[in-house]
Amino acid sequence: MDAQAFWNVIGNYNQQTKNVQIILFMILILGIALSYTQKVKWSAKFVLGIVNLFIGIAFFSYYGTEPIQKFFALPLFLVCGILFLYECYHSRDDRLEKPNLWQVSLLALYLLYPLISVMLGNNYPQMVTHIMPCPVVSLGIVIYSGYKRKNKALLTLLTVWGLTGIKSVIFNAYEDIILLVCGLYGIILLINEIRQCHPSLYSR
């Protein structure tokens, strides 16, 4: 997949889904706020599930043009969406803790994603918005890190996509360095989860 094909998909997606993206972004912020305030503990996972399913179906299935989008990205986002919804029900009483300094910094970078894209010389519609694969996964990793109980399969899939942020250099999408940083953060989270589940592996 070359850089121009990458940006063409983004442009078509943004032009055709602008209003839906605005609505989903507002719902996403509301859902996260409700979880952080403990009013609806599971709402952040629920909206992340819906948004991941939307990205999979709309961005990759409908607007995607390359095999890697259809056979790698599409199933990954569909599974992430399903797992978020599963965790919404299975761990519905798990609390989303207040973000620490590192998480606040990453949340701020998520909010700045479109601005950074514009500052890098991109113009609408060929620019990165909040409801796109890389920002959504960045947000997903950071939000999910605030829950005590974590589904390691979900965290692994999010981290795998996070590490694709290395493509920021290949496609001149330097804003996706944010994604790469979140992917590295995901690796730290996974290591901590493995340590908690198998402490004997680290006591030898």
N, C-alpha and C. Protein backbone atom coordinates (compact mmCIF):
# COMPACT_ATOMS: atom_id res chain seq x y z
N MET A 1 0.85 -1.20 0.00
CA MET A 1 0.00 0.00 0.00
C MET A 1 0.88 1.24 0.00
N ASP A 2 0.71 2.12 -1.02
CA ASP A 2 1.53 3.32 -1.07
C ASP A 2 0.88 4.47 -0.31
N ALA A 3 1.65 5.53 -0.13
CA ALA A 3 1.19 6.65 0.69
C ALA A 3 -0.06 7.32 0.12
N GLN A 4 -0.12 7.47 -1.21
CA GLN A 4 -1.26 8.15 -1.81
C GLN A 4 -2.55 7.36 -1.63
N ALA A 5 -2.46 6.03 -1.77
CA ALA A 5 -3.64 5.18 -1.54
C ALA A 5 -4.11 5.30 -0.10
N PHE A 6 -3.15 5.39 0.82
CA PHE A 6 -3.44 5.55 2.25
C PHE A 6 -4.24 6.83 2.48
N TRP A 7 -3.79 7.93 1.93
CA TRP A 7 -4.45 9.21 2.15
C TRP A 7 -5.76 9.32 1.36
N ASN A 8 -5.86 8.63 0.22
CA ASN A 8 -7.11 8.63 -0.54
C ASN A 8 -8.24 7.97 0.26
N VAL A 9 -7.92 6.86 0.93
CA VAL A 9 -8.92 6.19 1.76
C VAL A 9 -9.38 7.13 2.87
N ILE A 10 -8.43 7.81 3.49
CA ILE A 10 -8.76 8.76 4.57
C ILE A 10 -9.66 9.88 4.04
N GLY A 11 -9.32 10.42 2.87
CA GLY A 11 -10.11 11.50 2.30
C GLY A 11 -11.54 11.09 2.00
N ASN A 12 -11.72 9.92 1.38
CA ASN A 12 -13.06 9.44 1.06
C ASN A 12 -13.87 9.18 2.34
N TYR A 13 -13.22 8.58 3.31
CA TYR A 13 -13.89 8.28 4.58
C TYR A 13 -14.34 9.57 5.26
N ASN A 14 -13.46 10.56 5.34
CA ASN A 14 -13.79 11.81 6.02
C ASN A 14 -14.93 12.55 5.31
N GLN A 15 -14.89 12.59 3.99
CA GLN A 15 -15.93 13.30 3.25
C GLN A 15 -17.31 12.69 3.45
N GLN A 16 -17.37 11.38 3.50
CA GLN A 16 -18.66 10.69 3.53
C GLN A 16 -19.20 10.45 4.93
N THR A 17 -18.36 10.53 5.95
CA THR A 17 -18.81 10.18 7.31
C THR A 17 -18.64 11.33 8.30
N LYS A 18 -18.51 12.54 7.82
CA LYS A 18 -18.23 13.69 8.69
C LYS A 18 -19.25 13.81 9.82
N ASN A 19 -20.52 13.77 9.49
CA ASN A 19 -21.56 13.94 10.50
C ASN A 19 -21.58 12.78 11.50
N VAL A 20 -21.40 11.57 10.99
CA VAL A 20 -21.37 10.40 11.88
C VAL A 20 -20.18 10.49 12.83
N GLN A 21 -19.05 10.95 12.31
CA GLN A 21 -17.86 11.09 13.17
C GLN A 21 -18.10 12.08 14.30
N ILE A 22 -18.76 13.18 13.99
CA ILE A 22 -19.03 14.19 15.02
C ILE A 22 -19.91 13.60 16.12
N ILE A 23 -20.96 12.86 15.71
CA ILE A 23 -21.86 12.24 16.69
C ILE A 23 -21.13 11.21 17.53
N LEU A 24 -20.33 10.35 16.87
CA LEU A 24 -19.59 9.32 17.60
C LEU A 24 -18.58 9.93 18.56
N PHE A 25 -17.94 11.01 18.16
CA PHE A 25 -16.96 11.66 19.04
C PHE A 25 -17.64 12.21 20.28
N MET A 26 -18.80 12.82 20.12
CA MET A 26 -19.54 13.35 21.27
C MET A 26 -19.98 12.23 22.20
N ILE A 27 -20.47 11.13 21.62
CA ILE A 27 -20.88 9.98 22.43
C ILE A 27 -19.68 9.37 23.14
N LEU A 28 -18.54 9.33 22.45
CA LEU A 28 -17.31 8.77 23.02
C LEU A 28 -16.87 9.58 24.24
N ILE A 29 -16.85 10.88 24.10
CA ILE A 29 -16.44 11.74 25.22
C ILE A 29 -17.41 11.60 26.38
N LEU A 30 -18.71 11.54 26.08
CA LEU A 30 -19.72 11.38 27.13
C LEU A 30 -19.54 10.05 27.85
N GLY A 31 -19.36 8.98 27.09
CA GLY A 31 -19.19 7.65 27.69
C GLY A 31 -17.98 7.57 28.59
N ILE A 32 -16.88 8.17 28.16
CA ILE A 32 -15.66 8.17 28.97
C ILE A 32 -15.85 9.00 30.23
N ALA A 33 -16.51 10.15 30.08
CA ALA A 33 -16.76 11.01 31.24
C ALA A 33 -17.63 10.30 32.27
N LEU A 34 -18.64 9.58 31.81
CA LEU A 34 -19.52 8.85 32.73
C LEU A 34 -18.77 7.77 33.49
N SER A 35 -17.80 7.15 32.83
CA SER A 35 -17.00 6.11 33.50
C SER A 35 -16.01 6.71 34.48
N TYR A 36 -15.37 7.81 34.09
CA TYR A 36 -14.41 8.45 35.00
C TYR A 36 -15.10 8.98 36.26
N THR A 37 -16.35 9.41 36.13
CA THR A 37 -17.08 9.93 37.29
C THR A 37 -17.82 8.82 38.04
N GLN A 38 -17.69 7.57 37.57
CA GLN A 38 -18.29 6.39 38.19
C GLN A 38 -19.81 6.36 38.09
N LYS A 39 -20.39 7.21 37.24
CA LYS A 39 -21.85 7.20 37.08
C LYS A 39 -22.30 5.97 36.29
N VAL A 40 -21.54 5.62 35.24
CA VAL A 40 -21.81 4.40 34.46
C VAL A 40 -20.44 3.76 34.21
N LYS A 41 -20.08 2.80 35.03
CA LYS A 41 -18.72 2.27 35.01
C LYS A 41 -18.33 1.65 33.68
N TRP A 42 -19.31 1.04 33.01
CA TRP A 42 -19.02 0.28 31.80
C TRP A 42 -19.16 1.10 30.52
N SER A 43 -19.57 2.35 30.61
CA SER A 43 -19.91 3.11 29.41
C SER A 43 -18.71 3.37 28.49
N ALA A 44 -17.52 3.57 29.06
CA ALA A 44 -16.34 3.81 28.23
C ALA A 44 -16.05 2.60 27.34
N LYS A 45 -16.13 1.41 27.94
CA LYS A 45 -15.88 0.19 27.15
C LYS A 45 -16.98 -0.01 26.11
N PHE A 46 -18.20 0.35 26.45
CA PHE A 46 -19.31 0.19 25.51
C PHE A 46 -19.10 1.07 24.27
N VAL A 47 -18.81 2.35 24.49
CA VAL A 47 -18.66 3.25 23.34
C VAL A 47 -17.41 2.92 22.54
N LEU A 48 -16.35 2.49 23.20
CA LEU A 48 -15.15 2.06 22.47
C LEU A 48 -15.45 0.84 21.62
N GLY A 49 -16.30 -0.05 22.13
CA GLY A 49 -16.71 -1.20 21.34
C GLY A 49 -17.46 -0.79 20.09
N ILE A 50 -18.41 0.13 20.24
CA ILE A 50 -19.20 0.60 19.11
C ILE A 50 -18.31 1.31 18.08
N VAL A 51 -17.41 2.16 18.56
CA VAL A 51 -16.55 2.92 17.65
C VAL A 51 -15.59 1.99 16.91
N ASN A 52 -15.04 0.99 17.59
CA ASN A 52 -14.15 0.05 16.91
C ASN A 52 -14.90 -0.73 15.83
N LEU A 53 -16.13 -1.13 16.11
CA LEU A 53 -16.94 -1.81 15.10
C LEU A 53 -17.22 -0.89 13.92
N PHE A 54 -17.50 0.37 14.20
CA PHE A 54 -17.74 1.34 13.13
C PHE A 54 -16.50 1.50 12.26
N ILE A 55 -15.34 1.63 12.89
CA ILE A 55 -14.09 1.77 12.13
C ILE A 55 -13.87 0.55 11.23
N GLY A 56 -14.07 -0.64 11.80
CA GLY A 56 -13.88 -1.85 11.02
C GLY A 56 -14.80 -1.90 9.82
N ILE A 57 -16.09 -1.64 10.05
CA ILE A 57 -17.08 -1.76 8.98
C ILE A 57 -16.97 -0.61 7.97
N ALA A 58 -16.91 0.62 8.46
CA ALA A 58 -16.92 1.78 7.56
C ALA A 58 -15.55 2.03 6.94
N PHE A 59 -14.53 2.22 7.78
CA PHE A 59 -13.23 2.63 7.26
C PHE A 59 -12.58 1.52 6.44
N PHE A 60 -12.54 0.31 6.99
CA PHE A 60 -11.80 -0.76 6.33
C PHE A 60 -12.64 -1.59 5.36
N SER A 61 -13.87 -1.94 5.75
CA SER A 61 -14.68 -2.78 4.88
C SER A 61 -15.26 -1.99 3.70
N TYR A 62 -15.81 -0.80 3.98
CA TYR A 62 -16.48 -0.04 2.93
C TYR A 62 -15.52 0.83 2.11
N TYR A 63 -14.67 1.59 2.80
CA TYR A 63 -13.78 2.51 2.09
C TYR A 63 -12.39 1.93 1.82
N GLY A 64 -12.02 0.89 2.51
CA GLY A 64 -10.71 0.28 2.32
C GLY A 64 -10.55 -0.27 0.91
N THR A 65 -9.36 -0.18 0.37
CA THR A 65 -9.09 -0.61 -1.01
C THR A 65 -7.98 -1.65 -1.11
N GLU A 66 -7.23 -1.85 -0.04
CA GLU A 66 -6.06 -2.72 -0.10
C GLU A 66 -6.31 -4.01 0.67
N PRO A 67 -5.66 -5.11 0.24
CA PRO A 67 -5.82 -6.40 0.94
C PRO A 67 -5.49 -6.34 2.43
N ILE A 68 -4.45 -5.57 2.80
CA ILE A 68 -4.07 -5.51 4.21
C ILE A 68 -5.18 -4.87 5.05
N GLN A 69 -5.95 -3.99 4.42
CA GLN A 69 -7.06 -3.36 5.14
C GLN A 69 -8.21 -4.35 5.32
N LYS A 70 -8.44 -5.16 4.30
CA LYS A 70 -9.56 -6.11 4.33
C LYS A 70 -9.26 -7.34 5.19
N PHE A 71 -8.02 -7.82 5.14
CA PHE A 71 -7.72 -9.11 5.75
C PHE A 71 -6.91 -9.02 7.06
N PHE A 72 -6.42 -7.83 7.39
CA PHE A 72 -5.72 -7.64 8.67
C PHE A 72 -6.45 -6.63 9.55
N ALA A 73 -6.62 -5.42 9.03
CA ALA A 73 -7.21 -4.35 9.84
C ALA A 73 -8.68 -4.59 10.14
N LEU A 74 -9.45 -5.00 9.13
CA LEU A 74 -10.89 -5.22 9.33
C LEU A 74 -11.17 -6.23 10.44
N PRO A 75 -10.62 -7.46 10.37
CA PRO A 75 -10.91 -8.40 11.45
C PRO A 75 -10.37 -7.95 12.80
N LEU A 76 -9.22 -7.26 12.81
CA LEU A 76 -8.65 -6.80 14.07
C LEU A 76 -9.61 -5.84 14.77
N PHE A 77 -10.16 -4.88 14.03
CA PHE A 77 -11.05 -3.89 14.64
C PHE A 77 -12.39 -4.51 15.01
N LEU A 78 -12.86 -5.45 14.21
CA LEU A 78 -14.12 -6.12 14.57
C LEU A 78 -13.96 -6.92 15.86
N VAL A 79 -12.84 -7.63 15.99
CA VAL A 79 -12.60 -8.41 17.22
C VAL A 79 -12.43 -7.48 18.41
N CYS A 80 -11.70 -6.37 18.22
CA CYS A 80 -11.54 -5.41 19.32
C CYS A 80 -12.89 -4.86 19.75
N GLY A 81 -13.74 -4.53 18.79
CA GLY A 81 -15.06 -4.02 19.13
C GLY A 81 -15.87 -5.03 19.91
N ILE A 82 -15.85 -6.28 19.46
CA ILE A 82 -16.60 -7.34 20.15
C ILE A 82 -16.05 -7.56 21.55
N LEU A 83 -14.72 -7.55 21.69
CA LEU A 83 -14.11 -7.78 23.01
C LEU A 83 -14.40 -6.63 23.97
N PHE A 84 -14.42 -5.39 23.46
CA PHE A 84 -14.78 -4.26 24.31
C PHE A 84 -16.23 -4.42 24.82
N LEU A 85 -17.13 -4.83 23.93
CA LEU A 85 -18.52 -5.04 24.33
C LEU A 85 -18.64 -6.20 25.31
N TYR A 86 -17.85 -7.24 25.09
CA TYR A 86 -17.84 -8.38 26.02
C TYR A 86 -17.35 -7.93 27.40
N GLU A 87 -16.28 -7.15 27.43
CA GLU A 87 -15.75 -6.67 28.70
C GLU A 87 -16.72 -5.69 29.37
N CYS A 88 -17.46 -4.97 28.56
CA CYS A 88 -18.49 -4.06 29.09
C CYS A 88 -19.49 -4.84 29.93
N TYR A 89 -19.83 -6.04 29.50
CA TYR A 89 -20.78 -6.87 30.24
C TYR A 89 -20.08 -7.73 31.30
N HIS A 90 -18.99 -8.38 30.90
CA HIS A 90 -18.31 -9.33 31.79
C HIS A 90 -17.68 -8.65 33.00
N SER A 91 -17.12 -7.45 32.80
CA SER A 91 -16.46 -6.72 33.89
C SER A 91 -17.15 -5.38 34.09
N ARG A 92 -18.48 -5.41 34.10
CA ARG A 92 -19.25 -4.16 34.16
C ARG A 92 -19.09 -3.40 35.47
N ASP A 93 -18.64 -4.07 36.53
CA ASP A 93 -18.46 -3.38 37.81
C ASP A 93 -17.04 -2.87 38.02
N ASP A 94 -16.16 -3.15 37.06
CA ASP A 94 -14.78 -2.68 37.16
C ASP A 94 -14.74 -1.17 36.99
N ARG A 95 -14.03 -0.50 37.87
CA ARG A 95 -14.00 0.96 37.87
C ARG A 95 -12.87 1.50 36.98
N LEU A 96 -13.16 2.59 36.29
CA LEU A 96 -12.14 3.31 35.53
C LEU A 96 -11.49 4.31 36.48
N GLU A 97 -10.25 4.05 36.85
CA GLU A 97 -9.55 4.90 37.81
C GLU A 97 -9.18 6.24 37.20
N LYS A 98 -9.02 7.23 38.04
CA LYS A 98 -8.59 8.55 37.58
C LYS A 98 -7.24 8.42 36.87
N PRO A 99 -7.05 9.11 35.75
CA PRO A 99 -5.80 8.96 35.00
C PRO A 99 -4.59 9.52 35.74
N ASN A 100 -3.48 8.81 35.60
CA ASN A 100 -2.23 9.33 36.15
C ASN A 100 -1.62 10.32 35.15
N LEU A 101 -0.47 10.87 35.48
CA LEU A 101 0.14 11.91 34.65
C LEU A 101 0.45 11.39 33.24
N TRP A 102 0.95 10.16 33.16
CA TRP A 102 1.28 9.57 31.86
C TRP A 102 0.01 9.41 31.03
N GLN A 103 -1.05 8.93 31.64
CA GLN A 103 -2.31 8.73 30.92
C GLN A 103 -2.92 10.06 30.50
N VAL A 104 -2.84 11.07 31.36
CA VAL A 104 -3.34 12.40 31.01
C VAL A 104 -2.61 12.94 29.79
N SER A 105 -1.29 12.73 29.75
CA SER A 105 -0.49 13.20 28.62
C SER A 105 -0.92 12.54 27.32
N LEU A 106 -1.16 11.22 27.38
CA LEU A 106 -1.57 10.49 26.18
C LEU A 106 -2.99 10.87 25.76
N LEU A 107 -3.87 11.12 26.74
CA LEU A 107 -5.22 11.58 26.41
C LEU A 107 -5.17 12.95 25.72
N ALA A 108 -4.28 13.80 26.19
CA ALA A 108 -4.13 15.12 25.57
C ALA A 108 -3.64 14.99 24.13
N LEU A 109 -2.72 14.06 23.90
CA LEU A 109 -2.21 13.84 22.54
C LEU A 109 -3.33 13.31 21.63
N TYR A 110 -4.20 12.46 22.17
CA TYR A 110 -5.35 11.99 21.38
C TYR A 110 -6.21 13.18 20.96
N LEU A 111 -6.51 14.07 21.88
CA LEU A 111 -7.35 15.23 21.57
C LEU A 111 -6.68 16.15 20.56
N LEU A 112 -5.34 16.17 20.57
CA LEU A 112 -4.60 17.06 19.67
C LEU A 112 -4.33 16.43 18.30
N TYR A 113 -4.71 15.17 18.12
CA TYR A 113 -4.42 14.45 16.87
C TYR A 113 -4.76 15.26 15.61
N PRO A 114 -6.00 15.77 15.46
CA PRO A 114 -6.32 16.53 14.24
C PRO A 114 -5.49 17.80 14.10
N LEU A 115 -5.27 18.50 15.20
CA LEU A 115 -4.47 19.73 15.15
C LEU A 115 -3.05 19.44 14.71
N ILE A 116 -2.47 18.38 15.25
CA ILE A 116 -1.11 18.00 14.86
C ILE A 116 -1.08 17.63 13.39
N SER A 117 -2.13 16.94 12.91
CA SER A 117 -2.20 16.57 11.49
C SER A 117 -2.19 17.82 10.61
N VAL A 118 -2.95 18.84 11.02
CA VAL A 118 -3.00 20.09 10.26
C VAL A 118 -1.64 20.79 10.32
N MET A 119 -1.02 20.82 11.48
CA MET A 119 0.27 21.48 11.65
C MET A 119 1.35 20.81 10.81
N LEU A 120 1.15 19.52 10.50
CA LEU A 120 2.10 18.80 9.67
C LEU A 120 1.86 19.02 8.17
N GLY A 121 0.88 19.87 7.84
CA GLY A 121 0.66 20.23 6.45
C GLY A 121 -0.49 19.53 5.77
N ASN A 122 -1.27 18.75 6.52
CA ASN A 122 -2.42 18.05 5.93
C ASN A 122 -3.65 18.95 5.96
N ASN A 123 -4.52 18.77 4.98
CA ASN A 123 -5.74 19.56 4.88
C ASN A 123 -6.94 18.64 4.76
N TYR A 124 -8.07 19.08 5.30
CA TYR A 124 -9.29 18.29 5.21
C TYR A 124 -9.69 18.15 3.75
N PRO A 125 -10.11 16.96 3.28
CA PRO A 125 -10.42 15.76 4.07
C PRO A 125 -9.25 14.80 4.29
N GLN A 126 -8.10 15.08 3.66
CA GLN A 126 -6.97 14.16 3.80
C GLN A 126 -6.15 14.53 5.03
N MET A 127 -6.76 14.33 6.18
CA MET A 127 -6.11 14.57 7.46
C MET A 127 -6.67 13.59 8.47
N VAL A 128 -5.98 13.46 9.58
CA VAL A 128 -6.40 12.52 10.62
C VAL A 128 -7.40 13.20 11.56
N THR A 129 -8.51 12.52 11.82
CA THR A 129 -9.53 13.03 12.74
C THR A 129 -9.62 12.11 13.96
N HIS A 130 -10.47 12.48 14.91
CA HIS A 130 -10.56 11.69 16.15
C HIS A 130 -11.14 10.30 15.94
N ILE A 131 -12.09 10.16 15.01
CA ILE A 131 -12.75 8.87 14.79
C ILE A 131 -12.13 8.19 13.58
N MET A 132 -10.88 7.82 13.75
CA MET A 132 -10.13 7.08 12.74
C MET A 132 -9.34 5.99 13.45
N PRO A 133 -8.87 4.98 12.70
CA PRO A 133 -8.25 3.81 13.35
C PRO A 133 -7.15 4.13 14.35
N CYS A 134 -6.17 4.92 13.97
CA CYS A 134 -5.02 5.14 14.85
C CYS A 134 -5.36 5.95 16.10
N PRO A 135 -6.10 7.06 15.97
CA PRO A 135 -6.51 7.77 17.19
C PRO A 135 -7.40 6.92 18.10
N VAL A 136 -8.31 6.15 17.50
CA VAL A 136 -9.22 5.33 18.31
C VAL A 136 -8.46 4.27 19.09
N VAL A 137 -7.48 3.62 18.47
CA VAL A 137 -6.68 2.63 19.19
C VAL A 137 -5.82 3.30 20.26
N SER A 138 -5.26 4.46 19.94
CA SER A 138 -4.48 5.21 20.94
C SER A 138 -5.34 5.48 22.17
N LEU A 139 -6.54 5.96 21.93
CA LEU A 139 -7.47 6.23 23.03
C LEU A 139 -7.84 4.94 23.75
N GLY A 140 -8.09 3.89 22.99
CA GLY A 140 -8.49 2.61 23.59
C GLY A 140 -7.44 2.07 24.54
N ILE A 141 -6.17 2.16 24.15
CA ILE A 141 -5.08 1.69 25.02
C ILE A 141 -5.04 2.49 26.32
N VAL A 142 -5.15 3.80 26.18
CA VAL A 142 -5.03 4.67 27.36
C VAL A 142 -6.22 4.46 28.31
N ILE A 143 -7.43 4.43 27.76
CA ILE A 143 -8.61 4.24 28.61
C ILE A 143 -8.58 2.86 29.26
N TYR A 144 -8.27 1.84 28.49
CA TYR A 144 -8.28 0.48 29.02
C TYR A 144 -7.22 0.30 30.10
N SER A 145 -6.15 1.08 30.02
CA SER A 145 -5.09 0.99 31.04
C SER A 145 -5.60 1.42 32.41
N GLY A 146 -6.71 2.18 32.43
CA GLY A 146 -7.25 2.67 33.70
C GLY A 146 -8.13 1.67 34.42
N TYR A 147 -8.43 0.55 33.78
CA TYR A 147 -9.23 -0.49 34.42
C TYR A 147 -8.31 -1.52 35.08
N LYS A 148 -8.73 -2.03 36.24
CA LYS A 148 -7.91 -3.01 36.96
C LYS A 148 -7.89 -4.35 36.25
N ARG A 149 -9.08 -4.80 35.80
CA ARG A 149 -9.19 -6.09 35.11
C ARG A 149 -9.06 -5.88 33.61
N LYS A 150 -8.10 -6.58 33.01
CA LYS A 150 -7.84 -6.39 31.59
C LYS A 150 -7.89 -7.73 30.86
N ASN A 151 -8.55 -7.73 29.74
CA ASN A 151 -8.58 -8.87 28.85
C ASN A 151 -7.28 -8.84 28.04
N LYS A 152 -6.41 -9.82 28.25
CA LYS A 152 -5.09 -9.78 27.62
C LYS A 152 -5.18 -9.92 26.10
N ALA A 153 -6.19 -10.63 25.60
CA ALA A 153 -6.35 -10.73 24.15
C ALA A 153 -6.68 -9.37 23.55
N LEU A 154 -7.58 -8.63 24.19
CA LEU A 154 -7.93 -7.29 23.73
C LEU A 154 -6.74 -6.36 23.81
N LEU A 155 -6.04 -6.39 24.93
CA LEU A 155 -4.89 -5.51 25.11
C LEU A 155 -3.80 -5.84 24.09
N THR A 156 -3.63 -7.12 23.78
CA THR A 156 -2.63 -7.52 22.79
C THR A 156 -2.98 -6.98 21.41
N LEU A 157 -4.24 -7.11 21.01
CA LEU A 157 -4.66 -6.63 19.69
C LEU A 157 -4.51 -5.11 19.57
N LEU A 158 -4.88 -4.40 20.62
CA LEU A 158 -4.71 -2.95 20.62
C LEU A 158 -3.23 -2.58 20.50
N THR A 159 -2.39 -3.32 21.23
CA THR A 159 -0.96 -3.04 21.21
C THR A 159 -0.35 -3.34 19.85
N VAL A 160 -0.79 -4.43 19.23
CA VAL A 160 -0.31 -4.78 17.88
C VAL A 160 -0.59 -3.64 16.91
N TRP A 161 -1.82 -3.12 16.96
CA TRP A 161 -2.11 -1.99 16.07
C TRP A 161 -1.32 -0.76 16.49
N GLY A 162 -1.14 -0.58 17.80
CA GLY A 162 -0.35 0.56 18.26
C GLY A 162 1.06 0.56 17.69
N LEU A 163 1.65 -0.63 17.58
CA LEU A 163 3.02 -0.73 17.07
C LEU A 163 3.09 -0.48 15.57
N THR A 164 1.94 -0.52 14.87
CA THR A 164 1.96 -0.18 13.45
C THR A 164 2.19 1.33 13.26
N GLY A 165 2.25 2.06 14.36
CA GLY A 165 2.58 3.48 14.28
C GLY A 165 3.93 3.73 13.65
N ILE A 166 4.73 2.67 13.51
CA ILE A 166 6.02 2.79 12.84
C ILE A 166 5.83 3.23 11.39
N LYS A 167 4.61 2.99 10.86
CA LYS A 167 4.33 3.38 9.47
C LYS A 167 4.27 4.90 9.30
N SER A 168 4.32 5.64 10.40
CA SER A 168 4.26 7.09 10.33
C SER A 168 5.32 7.65 9.41
N VAL A 169 6.47 7.00 9.35
CA VAL A 169 7.56 7.44 8.49
C VAL A 169 7.28 7.04 7.04
N ILE A 170 6.74 5.84 6.84
CA ILE A 170 6.51 5.30 5.49
C ILE A 170 5.47 6.11 4.75
N PHE A 171 4.37 6.48 5.43
CA PHE A 171 3.26 7.17 4.79
C PHE A 171 3.25 8.67 5.06
N ASN A 172 4.33 9.20 5.58
CA ASN A 172 4.40 10.62 5.91
C ASN A 172 3.24 11.04 6.82
N ALA A 173 2.87 10.14 7.72
CA ALA A 173 1.80 10.43 8.69
C ALA A 173 2.45 10.52 10.07
N TYR A 174 3.22 11.59 10.26
CA TYR A 174 4.03 11.69 11.47
C TYR A 174 3.19 11.87 12.73
N GLU A 175 1.92 12.23 12.57
CA GLU A 175 1.05 12.30 13.73
C GLU A 175 0.88 10.93 14.37
N ASP A 176 1.10 9.87 13.60
CA ASP A 176 0.94 8.52 14.14
C ASP A 176 2.10 8.07 15.02
N ILE A 177 3.05 8.97 15.25
CA ILE A 177 4.04 8.70 16.30
C ILE A 177 3.32 8.59 17.64
N ILE A 178 2.19 9.31 17.76
CA ILE A 178 1.35 9.20 18.97
C ILE A 178 0.90 7.76 19.14
N LEU A 179 0.45 7.15 18.04
CA LEU A 179 0.02 5.76 18.07
C LEU A 179 1.15 4.84 18.51
N LEU A 180 2.34 5.07 17.98
CA LEU A 180 3.49 4.24 18.33
C LEU A 180 3.81 4.35 19.82
N VAL A 181 3.76 5.55 20.36
CA VAL A 181 4.01 5.75 21.79
C VAL A 181 2.98 4.97 22.61
N CYS A 182 1.71 5.04 22.17
CA CYS A 182 0.66 4.29 22.88
C CYS A 182 0.88 2.79 22.76
N GLY A 183 1.38 2.34 21.60
CA GLY A 183 1.69 0.93 21.43
C GLY A 183 2.78 0.47 22.37
N LEU A 184 3.80 1.29 22.54
CA LEU A 184 4.88 0.96 23.49
C LEU A 184 4.35 0.93 24.92
N TYR A 185 3.43 1.85 25.21
CA TYR A 185 2.77 1.85 26.52
C TYR A 185 1.97 0.56 26.70
N GLY A 186 1.35 0.09 25.61
CA GLY A 186 0.61 -1.16 25.66
C GLY A 186 1.51 -2.34 25.99
N ILE A 187 2.74 -2.34 25.48
CA ILE A 187 3.69 -3.41 25.80
C ILE A 187 3.98 -3.42 27.30
N ILE A 188 4.16 -2.24 27.88
CA ILE A 188 4.40 -2.14 29.32
C ILE A 188 3.22 -2.70 30.10
N LEU A 189 2.01 -2.37 29.65
CA LEU A 189 0.80 -2.87 30.32
C LEU A 189 0.73 -4.40 30.23
N LEU A 190 1.05 -4.95 29.07
CA LEU A 190 1.02 -6.40 28.89
C LEU A 190 2.03 -7.10 29.79
N ILE A 191 3.22 -6.54 29.87
CA ILE A 191 4.26 -7.11 30.73
C ILE A 191 3.80 -7.11 32.18
N ASN A 192 3.18 -6.01 32.60
CA ASN A 192 2.68 -5.93 33.98
C ASN A 192 1.57 -6.95 34.23
N GLU A 193 0.71 -7.16 33.22
CA GLU A 193 -0.37 -8.14 33.36
C GLU A 193 0.21 -9.55 33.50
N ILE A 194 1.21 -9.87 32.70
CA ILE A 194 1.84 -11.19 32.76
C ILE A 194 2.54 -11.39 34.10
N ARG A 195 3.17 -10.35 34.59
CA ARG A 195 3.84 -10.43 35.89
C ARG A 195 2.84 -10.72 37.01
N GLN A 196 1.69 -10.08 36.94
CA GLN A 196 0.67 -10.29 37.98
C GLN A 196 0.09 -11.70 37.92
N CYS A 197 -0.06 -12.22 36.69
CA CYS A 197 -0.65 -13.55 36.52
C CYS A 197 0.36 -14.67 36.76
N HIS A 198 1.63 -14.40 36.46
CA HIS A 198 2.67 -15.42 36.58
C HIS A 198 3.89 -14.85 37.29
N PRO A 199 3.76 -14.50 38.56
CA PRO A 199 4.88 -13.88 39.28
C PRO A 199 6.10 -14.78 39.37
N SER A 200 5.92 -16.10 39.31
CA SER A 200 7.04 -17.02 39.42
C SER A 200 8.02 -16.87 38.25
N LEU A 201 7.52 -16.41 37.11
CA LEU A 201 8.39 -16.24 35.93
C LEU A 201 9.43 -15.15 36.16
N TYR A 202 9.14 -14.24 37.07
CA TYR A 202 10.04 -13.11 37.29
C TYR A 202 10.75 -13.19 38.65
N SER A 203 10.60 -14.31 39.34
CA SER A 203 11.23 -14.44 40.65
C SER A 203 12.42 -15.40 40.64
N ARG A 204 12.76 -15.85 39.44
CA ARG A 204 13.87 -16.81 39.35
C ARG A 204 15.19 -16.07 39.19
